[in-house]
Amino acid sequence: MTSPPAALQKLEKIGKLKAEPPDQAEFDGLVRSARRKLPDAEVPGLSPDSRFILAYDAAHSLALAALRWHGYRSENRYLVFQVLGTTLDFPTPKWRFLDSRAPHFWD
C-alpha cells in the first residue's frame, strides 16, 4: 500500500481522523451493507424519509469503506463525505451535496 494522501495525514495530525490499519473484512462488510440498503431504498411502499435514510446510510457505508481503505477512521459521520475528494477523487460539488444532507442528529 502506498503512503496515505497528505490531506488525510493533516486531518490525523489535528485529531480529526485516527490512523488504523485497513481491514479487508470490515471493508467488505461496509460494501455489503451498502449493497443491501440501496435496493431497499427503491421500495416504493416505504415512506420518503425511510427511503432517504436507507440511501444515505448506503452512501455513508461506501464513503467510510473508502476512508478505511486508506487506513483511517473518523468519529464524525460527516467527515467521511468531506474527504471523498481525497479518498475517491470524488468531485467537490457531489461530496458537498452529501455532506449538506448529513442528518446532524447522527453526529
N, C-alpha and C. Protein backbone atom coordinates (compact mmCIF):
# COMPACT_ATOMS: atom_id res chain seq x y z
N MET A 1 0.85 -1.19 0.00
CA MET A 1 0.00 0.00 0.00
C MET A 1 0.88 1.24 0.00
N THR A 2 0.48 2.25 -0.74
CA THR A 2 1.24 3.50 -0.77
C THR A 2 0.96 4.31 0.48
N SER A 3 1.75 5.33 0.70
CA SER A 3 1.53 6.16 1.89
C SER A 3 0.22 6.94 1.73
N PRO A 4 -0.42 7.26 2.86
CA PRO A 4 -1.71 7.97 2.80
C PRO A 4 -1.55 9.35 2.18
N PRO A 5 -2.61 9.81 1.53
CA PRO A 5 -2.58 11.17 0.97
C PRO A 5 -2.32 12.21 2.06
N ALA A 6 -1.62 13.27 1.68
CA ALA A 6 -1.24 14.32 2.62
C ALA A 6 -2.46 14.92 3.33
N ALA A 7 -3.57 15.07 2.63
CA ALA A 7 -4.76 15.66 3.25
C ALA A 7 -5.25 14.81 4.43
N LEU A 8 -5.19 13.50 4.28
CA LEU A 8 -5.62 12.62 5.37
C LEU A 8 -4.62 12.67 6.52
N GLN A 9 -3.35 12.76 6.20
CA GLN A 9 -2.33 12.87 7.24
C GLN A 9 -2.50 14.15 8.04
N LYS A 10 -2.84 15.23 7.37
CA LYS A 10 -3.07 16.51 8.07
C LYS A 10 -4.26 16.40 9.01
N LEU A 11 -5.33 15.74 8.56
CA LEU A 11 -6.51 15.58 9.41
C LEU A 11 -6.19 14.70 10.62
N GLU A 12 -5.32 13.74 10.43
CA GLU A 12 -4.90 12.92 11.57
C GLU A 12 -4.11 13.77 12.56
N LYS A 13 -3.24 14.59 12.03
CA LYS A 13 -2.38 15.42 12.87
C LYS A 13 -3.19 16.35 13.77
N ILE A 14 -4.32 16.84 13.28
CA ILE A 14 -5.14 17.75 14.09
C ILE A 14 -6.25 17.01 14.86
N GLY A 15 -6.22 15.68 14.80
CA GLY A 15 -7.15 14.89 15.59
C GLY A 15 -8.51 14.63 14.99
N LYS A 16 -8.68 14.95 13.72
CA LYS A 16 -9.98 14.72 13.07
C LYS A 16 -10.13 13.28 12.56
N LEU A 17 -9.00 12.64 12.25
CA LEU A 17 -9.00 11.25 11.81
C LEU A 17 -8.07 10.46 12.71
N LYS A 18 -8.34 9.17 12.79
CA LYS A 18 -7.47 8.27 13.53
C LYS A 18 -6.89 7.26 12.54
N ALA A 19 -5.57 7.10 12.59
CA ALA A 19 -4.94 6.08 11.74
C ALA A 19 -5.25 4.71 12.32
N GLU A 20 -5.65 3.81 11.44
CA GLU A 20 -5.96 2.44 11.85
C GLU A 20 -5.74 1.57 10.61
N PRO A 21 -4.97 0.52 10.75
CA PRO A 21 -4.69 -0.32 9.58
C PRO A 21 -5.98 -0.75 8.87
N PRO A 22 -5.96 -0.73 7.55
CA PRO A 22 -7.14 -1.20 6.81
C PRO A 22 -7.46 -2.65 7.18
N ASP A 23 -8.73 -2.96 7.11
CA ASP A 23 -9.19 -4.31 7.44
C ASP A 23 -10.09 -4.77 6.30
N GLN A 24 -9.64 -5.75 5.54
CA GLN A 24 -10.39 -6.21 4.37
C GLN A 24 -11.78 -6.70 4.75
N ALA A 25 -11.90 -7.40 5.87
CA ALA A 25 -13.22 -7.90 6.29
C ALA A 25 -14.17 -6.74 6.59
N GLU A 26 -13.66 -5.70 7.26
CA GLU A 26 -14.50 -4.54 7.55
C GLU A 26 -14.90 -3.84 6.25
N PHE A 27 -13.94 -3.65 5.36
CA PHE A 27 -14.21 -3.03 4.06
C PHE A 27 -15.31 -3.80 3.32
N ASP A 28 -15.13 -5.11 3.23
CA ASP A 28 -16.13 -5.95 2.55
C ASP A 28 -17.50 -5.85 3.21
N GLY A 29 -17.53 -5.79 4.54
CA GLY A 29 -18.79 -5.67 5.26
C GLY A 29 -19.49 -4.35 4.98
N LEU A 30 -18.72 -3.27 4.88
CA LEU A 30 -19.30 -1.96 4.56
C LEU A 30 -19.89 -1.95 3.16
N VAL A 31 -19.20 -2.55 2.22
CA VAL A 31 -19.71 -2.61 0.84
C VAL A 31 -20.96 -3.49 0.79
N ARG A 32 -20.94 -4.63 1.48
CA ARG A 32 -22.14 -5.50 1.53
C ARG A 32 -23.34 -4.76 2.12
N SER A 33 -23.08 -4.01 3.18
CA SER A 33 -24.15 -3.25 3.83
C SER A 33 -24.79 -2.27 2.84
N ALA A 34 -23.96 -1.57 2.10
CA ALA A 34 -24.48 -0.62 1.11
C ALA A 34 -25.27 -1.34 0.03
N ARG A 35 -24.78 -2.47 -0.41
CA ARG A 35 -25.48 -3.22 -1.46
C ARG A 35 -26.83 -3.74 -0.98
N ARG A 36 -26.97 -4.00 0.29
CA ARG A 36 -28.27 -4.44 0.84
C ARG A 36 -29.23 -3.26 0.96
N LYS A 37 -28.72 -2.10 1.34
CA LYS A 37 -29.58 -0.96 1.62
C LYS A 37 -30.07 -0.25 0.36
N LEU A 38 -29.24 -0.19 -0.67
CA LEU A 38 -29.65 0.54 -1.88
C LEU A 38 -30.92 -0.01 -2.52
N PRO A 39 -31.06 -1.32 -2.71
CA PRO A 39 -32.32 -1.81 -3.27
C PRO A 39 -33.51 -1.51 -2.37
N ASP A 40 -33.31 -1.58 -1.06
CA ASP A 40 -34.40 -1.27 -0.13
C ASP A 40 -34.83 0.19 -0.25
N ALA A 41 -33.87 1.06 -0.56
CA ALA A 41 -34.18 2.49 -0.71
C ALA A 41 -35.07 2.76 -1.92
N GLU A 42 -35.17 1.80 -2.82
CA GLU A 42 -36.00 1.96 -4.02
C GLU A 42 -37.41 1.39 -3.86
N VAL A 43 -37.71 0.82 -2.70
CA VAL A 43 -39.03 0.23 -2.48
C VAL A 43 -40.07 1.34 -2.40
N PRO A 44 -41.00 1.38 -3.35
CA PRO A 44 -41.97 2.48 -3.39
C PRO A 44 -42.90 2.54 -2.19
N GLY A 45 -43.15 1.43 -1.52
CA GLY A 45 -44.08 1.42 -0.39
C GLY A 45 -43.52 2.05 0.88
N LEU A 46 -42.23 2.29 0.91
CA LEU A 46 -41.64 2.92 2.10
C LEU A 46 -41.85 4.42 2.07
N SER A 47 -41.86 5.03 3.23
CA SER A 47 -42.01 6.48 3.29
C SER A 47 -40.76 7.13 2.69
N PRO A 48 -40.91 8.35 2.18
CA PRO A 48 -39.74 9.05 1.64
C PRO A 48 -38.62 9.18 2.68
N ASP A 49 -38.98 9.40 3.94
CA ASP A 49 -37.96 9.51 4.99
C ASP A 49 -37.17 8.21 5.13
N SER A 50 -37.87 7.10 5.13
CA SER A 50 -37.21 5.79 5.26
C SER A 50 -36.31 5.52 4.05
N ARG A 51 -36.80 5.85 2.88
CA ARG A 51 -36.01 5.64 1.66
C ARG A 51 -34.76 6.50 1.69
N PHE A 52 -34.90 7.74 2.13
CA PHE A 52 -33.74 8.63 2.21
C PHE A 52 -32.71 8.08 3.19
N ILE A 53 -33.17 7.66 4.36
CA ILE A 53 -32.24 7.15 5.38
C ILE A 53 -31.49 5.92 4.86
N LEU A 54 -32.18 5.04 4.17
CA LEU A 54 -31.52 3.86 3.61
C LEU A 54 -30.48 4.25 2.56
N ALA A 55 -30.84 5.17 1.67
CA ALA A 55 -29.90 5.60 0.64
C ALA A 55 -28.72 6.36 1.24
N TYR A 56 -29.00 7.21 2.20
CA TYR A 56 -27.94 7.98 2.85
C TYR A 56 -27.00 7.04 3.60
N ASP A 57 -27.57 6.06 4.30
CA ASP A 57 -26.76 5.10 5.03
C ASP A 57 -25.87 4.29 4.09
N ALA A 58 -26.40 3.92 2.94
CA ALA A 58 -25.60 3.19 1.95
C ALA A 58 -24.45 4.06 1.46
N ALA A 59 -24.74 5.33 1.16
CA ALA A 59 -23.69 6.25 0.71
C ALA A 59 -22.62 6.41 1.80
N HIS A 60 -23.05 6.50 3.04
CA HIS A 60 -22.10 6.64 4.14
C HIS A 60 -21.24 5.39 4.27
N SER A 61 -21.84 4.21 4.15
CA SER A 61 -21.07 2.97 4.23
C SER A 61 -19.98 2.92 3.16
N LEU A 62 -20.33 3.33 1.94
CA LEU A 62 -19.34 3.32 0.87
C LEU A 62 -18.25 4.37 1.09
N ALA A 63 -18.63 5.54 1.58
CA ALA A 63 -17.63 6.58 1.86
C ALA A 63 -16.70 6.15 2.99
N LEU A 64 -17.27 5.51 4.01
CA LEU A 64 -16.45 5.01 5.11
C LEU A 64 -15.52 3.89 4.63
N ALA A 65 -16.01 3.03 3.75
CA ALA A 65 -15.17 1.98 3.19
C ALA A 65 -13.96 2.59 2.48
N ALA A 66 -14.18 3.67 1.74
CA ALA A 66 -13.07 4.33 1.05
C ALA A 66 -12.06 4.90 2.04
N LEU A 67 -12.55 5.49 3.11
CA LEU A 67 -11.66 6.04 4.13
C LEU A 67 -10.88 4.93 4.82
N ARG A 68 -11.56 3.85 5.16
CA ARG A 68 -10.90 2.71 5.81
C ARG A 68 -9.86 2.08 4.89
N TRP A 69 -10.12 2.09 3.58
CA TRP A 69 -9.18 1.56 2.60
C TRP A 69 -7.83 2.29 2.70
N HIS A 70 -7.91 3.56 3.02
CA HIS A 70 -6.70 4.39 3.14
C HIS A 70 -6.08 4.30 4.53
N GLY A 71 -6.70 3.56 5.43
CA GLY A 71 -6.11 3.35 6.75
C GLY A 71 -6.49 4.39 7.79
N TYR A 72 -7.70 4.95 7.66
CA TYR A 72 -8.17 5.94 8.63
C TYR A 72 -9.59 5.63 9.07
N ARG A 73 -9.95 6.22 10.19
CA ARG A 73 -11.30 6.12 10.74
C ARG A 73 -11.67 7.50 11.28
N SER A 74 -12.96 7.82 11.23
CA SER A 74 -13.44 9.09 11.76
C SER A 74 -14.59 8.84 12.72
N GLU A 75 -14.63 9.60 13.80
CA GLU A 75 -15.76 9.53 14.72
C GLU A 75 -16.89 10.46 14.30
N ASN A 76 -16.62 11.32 13.33
CA ASN A 76 -17.63 12.26 12.83
C ASN A 76 -18.20 11.74 11.51
N ARG A 77 -19.46 11.46 11.53
CA ARG A 77 -20.13 10.87 10.37
C ARG A 77 -19.97 11.73 9.11
N TYR A 78 -20.05 13.02 9.26
CA TYR A 78 -19.98 13.91 8.09
C TYR A 78 -18.59 13.93 7.45
N LEU A 79 -17.55 13.70 8.23
CA LEU A 79 -16.19 13.82 7.71
C LEU A 79 -15.89 12.80 6.62
N VAL A 80 -16.51 11.63 6.67
CA VAL A 80 -16.25 10.63 5.63
C VAL A 80 -16.71 11.14 4.26
N PHE A 81 -17.72 12.02 4.23
CA PHE A 81 -18.13 12.63 2.97
C PHE A 81 -17.16 13.74 2.57
N GLN A 82 -16.70 14.49 3.54
CA GLN A 82 -15.83 15.62 3.24
C GLN A 82 -14.48 15.20 2.68
N VAL A 83 -14.05 13.98 2.95
CA VAL A 83 -12.75 13.52 2.42
C VAL A 83 -12.90 12.70 1.14
N LEU A 84 -14.11 12.60 0.60
CA LEU A 84 -14.29 11.84 -0.63
C LEU A 84 -13.45 12.37 -1.79
N GLY A 85 -13.18 13.64 -1.81
CA GLY A 85 -12.31 14.20 -2.85
C GLY A 85 -10.92 13.60 -2.79
N THR A 86 -10.50 13.22 -1.60
CA THR A 86 -9.19 12.61 -1.40
C THR A 86 -9.26 11.09 -1.53
N THR A 87 -10.24 10.47 -0.89
CA THR A 87 -10.28 9.00 -0.86
C THR A 87 -10.70 8.39 -2.19
N LEU A 88 -11.57 9.08 -2.93
CA LEU A 88 -12.07 8.53 -4.20
C LEU A 88 -11.95 9.49 -5.37
N ASP A 89 -11.28 10.62 -5.17
CA ASP A 89 -11.20 11.64 -6.22
C ASP A 89 -12.61 12.04 -6.67
N PHE A 90 -13.51 12.13 -5.70
CA PHE A 90 -14.92 12.45 -5.92
C PHE A 90 -15.04 13.96 -6.13
N PRO A 91 -15.79 14.42 -7.11
CA PRO A 91 -15.93 15.85 -7.37
C PRO A 91 -16.51 16.62 -6.17
N THR A 92 -15.95 17.76 -5.89
CA THR A 92 -16.35 18.57 -4.74
C THR A 92 -17.86 18.84 -4.68
N PRO A 93 -18.51 19.25 -5.78
CA PRO A 93 -19.96 19.51 -5.66
C PRO A 93 -20.76 18.29 -5.19
N LYS A 94 -20.32 17.10 -5.56
CA LYS A 94 -21.05 15.90 -5.17
C LYS A 94 -20.87 15.58 -3.70
N TRP A 95 -19.63 15.66 -3.17
CA TRP A 95 -19.48 15.36 -1.74
C TRP A 95 -20.10 16.46 -0.90
N ARG A 96 -20.09 17.69 -1.38
CA ARG A 96 -20.74 18.76 -0.62
C ARG A 96 -22.25 18.54 -0.56
N PHE A 97 -22.82 18.02 -1.64
CA PHE A 97 -24.25 17.69 -1.63
C PHE A 97 -24.54 16.66 -0.54
N LEU A 98 -23.76 15.59 -0.49
CA LEU A 98 -23.95 14.56 0.54
C LEU A 98 -23.74 15.13 1.93
N ASP A 99 -22.69 15.91 2.09
CA ASP A 99 -22.38 16.49 3.40
C ASP A 99 -23.49 17.43 3.86
N SER A 100 -24.07 18.18 2.95
CA SER A 100 -25.11 19.16 3.34
C SER A 100 -26.39 18.47 3.79
N ARG A 101 -26.56 17.21 3.42
CA ARG A 101 -27.75 16.48 3.81
C ARG A 101 -27.51 15.55 5.00
N ALA A 102 -26.33 15.63 5.56
CA ALA A 102 -26.00 14.77 6.70
C ALA A 102 -26.94 15.08 7.86
N PRO A 103 -27.66 14.07 8.31
CA PRO A 103 -28.53 14.28 9.48
C PRO A 103 -27.66 14.58 10.71
N HIS A 104 -27.74 15.78 11.21
CA HIS A 104 -26.84 16.20 12.28
C HIS A 104 -27.10 15.47 13.60
N PHE A 105 -28.27 14.86 13.73
CA PHE A 105 -28.51 14.10 14.96
C PHE A 105 -27.68 12.82 14.98
N TRP A 106 -27.04 12.44 13.87
CA TRP A 106 -26.18 11.26 13.83
C TRP A 106 -24.76 11.57 14.25
N ASP A 107 -24.39 12.83 14.33
CA ASP A 107 -23.00 13.21 14.67
C ASP A 107 -22.73 12.95 16.14
